[in-house]
C-alpha atoms as a PDB file:
ATOM      1  CA  ASN A   1     118.941 117.572  93.559  1.00  0.00           C
ATOM      2  CA  ARG A   2     117.764 114.349  94.832  1.00  0.00           C
ATOM      3  CA  MET A   3     116.731 113.571  98.634  1.00  0.00           C
ATOM      4  CA  ALA A   4     116.539 110.269 100.476  1.00  0.00           C
ATOM      5  CA  ILE A   5     114.784 110.358 103.751  1.00  0.00           C
ATOM      6  CA  THR A   6     115.361 107.094 106.233  1.00  0.00           C
ATOM      7  CA  VAL A   7     112.588 106.159 108.392  1.00  0.00           C
ATOM      8  CA  ASP A   8     114.230 103.529 110.583  1.00  0.00           C
ATOM      9  CA  GLN A   9     112.625 102.314 113.961  1.00  0.00           C
ATOM     10  CA  GLU A  10     112.987 106.075 116.288  1.00  0.00           C
ATOM     11  CA  ALA A  11     115.442 107.521 113.968  1.00  0.00           C
ATOM     12  CA  VAL A  12     115.106 109.590 110.475  1.00  0.00           C
ATOM     13  CA  THR A  13     118.137 110.365 108.158  1.00  0.00           C
ATOM     14  CA  VAL A  14     118.138 112.687 105.340  1.00  0.00           C
ATOM     15  CA  GLU A  15     120.427 112.932 102.682  1.00  0.00           C
ATOM     16  CA  ILE A  16     120.836 115.251  99.862  1.00  0.00           C
ATOM     17  CA  ASN A  17     122.692 114.280  96.816  1.00  0.00           C
ATOM     18  CA  GLY A  18     124.278 111.488  98.672  1.00  0.00           C
ATOM     19  CA  GLU A  19     125.285 113.726 102.087  1.00  0.00           C
ATOM     20  CA  LYS A  20     123.987 113.311 105.060  1.00  0.00           C
ATOM     21  CA  VAL A  21     122.538 116.531 105.989  1.00  0.00           C
ATOM     22  CA  ASN A  22     120.431 115.603 109.272  1.00  0.00           C
ATOM     23  CA  ARG A  23     119.347 112.964 111.681  1.00  0.00           C
ATOM     24  CA  ILE A  24     116.964 112.668 114.418  1.00  0.00           C
ATOM     25  CA  VAL A  25     116.315 110.139 117.404  1.00  0.00           C
ATOM     26  CA  PHE A  26     112.120 110.408 118.388  1.00  0.00           C
ATOM     27  CA  ASN A  27     113.124 109.403 122.088  1.00  0.00           C
ATOM     28  CA  GLU A  28     115.753 112.444 122.142  1.00  0.00           C
ATOM     29  CA  TRP A  29     113.031 114.866 121.762  1.00  0.00           C
ATOM     30  CA  ALA A  30     111.094 114.259 125.001  1.00  0.00           C
ATOM     31  CA  THR A  31     109.602 117.582 125.955  1.00  0.00           C
ATOM     32  CA  PRO A  32     107.186 119.899 123.792  1.00  0.00           C
ATOM     33  CA  GLY A  33     108.653 122.986 122.114  1.00  0.00           C
ATOM     34  CA  LYS A  34     112.325 122.226 122.935  1.00  0.00           C
ATOM     35  CA  ARG A  35     115.220 120.190 121.120  1.00  0.00           C
ATOM     36  CA  PRO A  36     117.932 117.664 122.921  1.00  0.00           C
ATOM     37  CA  ASP A  37     120.357 120.407 123.916  1.00  0.00           C
ATOM     38  CA  GLY A  38     117.110 122.706 125.798  1.00  0.00           C
ATOM     39  CA  THR A  39     116.844 125.491 122.901  1.00  0.00           C
ATOM     40  CA  ASP A  40     113.601 126.249 121.636  1.00  0.00           C
ATOM     41  CA  HIS A  41     111.554 124.832 118.969  1.00  0.00           C
ATOM     42  CA  LYS A  42     108.602 125.682 117.313  1.00  0.00           C
ATOM     43  CA  LEU A  43     106.441 122.518 117.374  1.00  0.00           C
ATOM     44  CA  ALA A  44     105.200 123.215 120.808  1.00  0.00           C
ATOM     45  CA  ALA A  45     102.920 120.168 121.578  1.00  0.00           C
ATOM     46  CA  PRO A  46     103.199 116.644 121.601  1.00  0.00           C
ATOM     47  CA  ALA A  47     106.802 116.247 122.200  1.00  0.00           C
ATOM     48  CA  ILE A  48     108.211 114.687 119.035  1.00  0.00           C
ATOM     49  CA  LYS A  49     108.573 111.242 120.884  1.00  0.00           C
ATOM     50  CA  ASP A  50     105.385 111.152 121.497  1.00  0.00           C
ATOM     51  CA  MET A  51     103.985 111.788 117.961  1.00  0.00           C
ATOM     52  CA  PRO A  52     102.245 108.744 116.111  1.00  0.00           C
ATOM     53  CA  SER A  53     104.886 106.716 114.318  1.00  0.00           C
ATOM     54  CA  LYS A  54     102.226 105.208 112.080  1.00  0.00           C
ATOM     55  CA  GLY A  55      99.875 107.312 109.955  1.00  0.00           C
ATOM     56  CA  ALA A  56      99.648 109.857 106.803  1.00  0.00           C
ATOM     57  CA  ILE A  57     103.038 111.074 105.682  1.00  0.00           C
ATOM     58  CA  GLY A  58     103.794 115.006 104.669  1.00  0.00           C
ATOM     59  CA  PHE A  59     106.214 117.301 103.649  1.00  0.00           C
ATOM     60  CA  ARG A  60     106.372 120.893 104.275  1.00  0.00           C
ATOM     61  CA  ASP A  61     108.419 123.835 103.836  1.00  0.00           C
ATOM     62  CA  ASP A  62     109.131 126.523 106.562  1.00  0.00           C
ATOM     63  CA  HIS A  63     111.207 129.033 105.303  1.00  0.00           C
ATOM     64  CA  GLY A  64     108.546 130.401 102.422  1.00  0.00           C
ATOM     65  CA  THR A  65     110.808 129.207  99.085  1.00  0.00           C
ATOM     66  CA  PRO A  66     108.484 127.673  96.728  1.00  0.00           C
ATOM     67  CA  LEU A  67     108.701 123.804  97.274  1.00  0.00           C
ATOM     68  CA  TRP A  68     108.205 121.301  94.498  1.00  0.00           C
ATOM     69  CA  LEU A  69     108.183 117.641  94.450  1.00  0.00           C
ATOM     70  CA  LYS A  70     108.009 114.947  91.973  1.00  0.00           C
ATOM     71  CA  ASN A  71     109.130 111.146  91.618  1.00  0.00           C
ATOM     72  CA  ILE A  72     107.946 110.382  95.325  1.00  0.00           C
ATOM     73  CA  LYS A  73     109.190 106.620  95.950  1.00  0.00           C
ATOM     74  CA  LEU A  74     108.526 104.510  99.358  1.00  0.00           C
ATOM     75  CA  LYS A  75     110.177 101.628  99.603  1.00  0.00           C
ATOM     76  CA  PRO A  76     110.077  99.191 102.930  1.00  0.00           C
ATOM     77  CA  LEU A  77     113.146  98.780 104.526  1.00  0.00           C
ATOM     78  CA  GLU A  78     115.019  95.158 103.970  1.00  0.00           C
END
């Protein structure tokens, strides 16, 4: 599989094998522990909109399945 993650200003878009599978706009996630629709989310604090917009990049898998990454490339948006 091939994944592309694009971070542009206040939004993240995720594509897998060329198909858009997710997009979040940080400012819509204004309440700690809640999604924009009001349902619970596991990240309790801080609100996603208040998280730093610069710094280290991390990858994680919360589904208990082994995860391997290779050929990670970072490119600036033009």
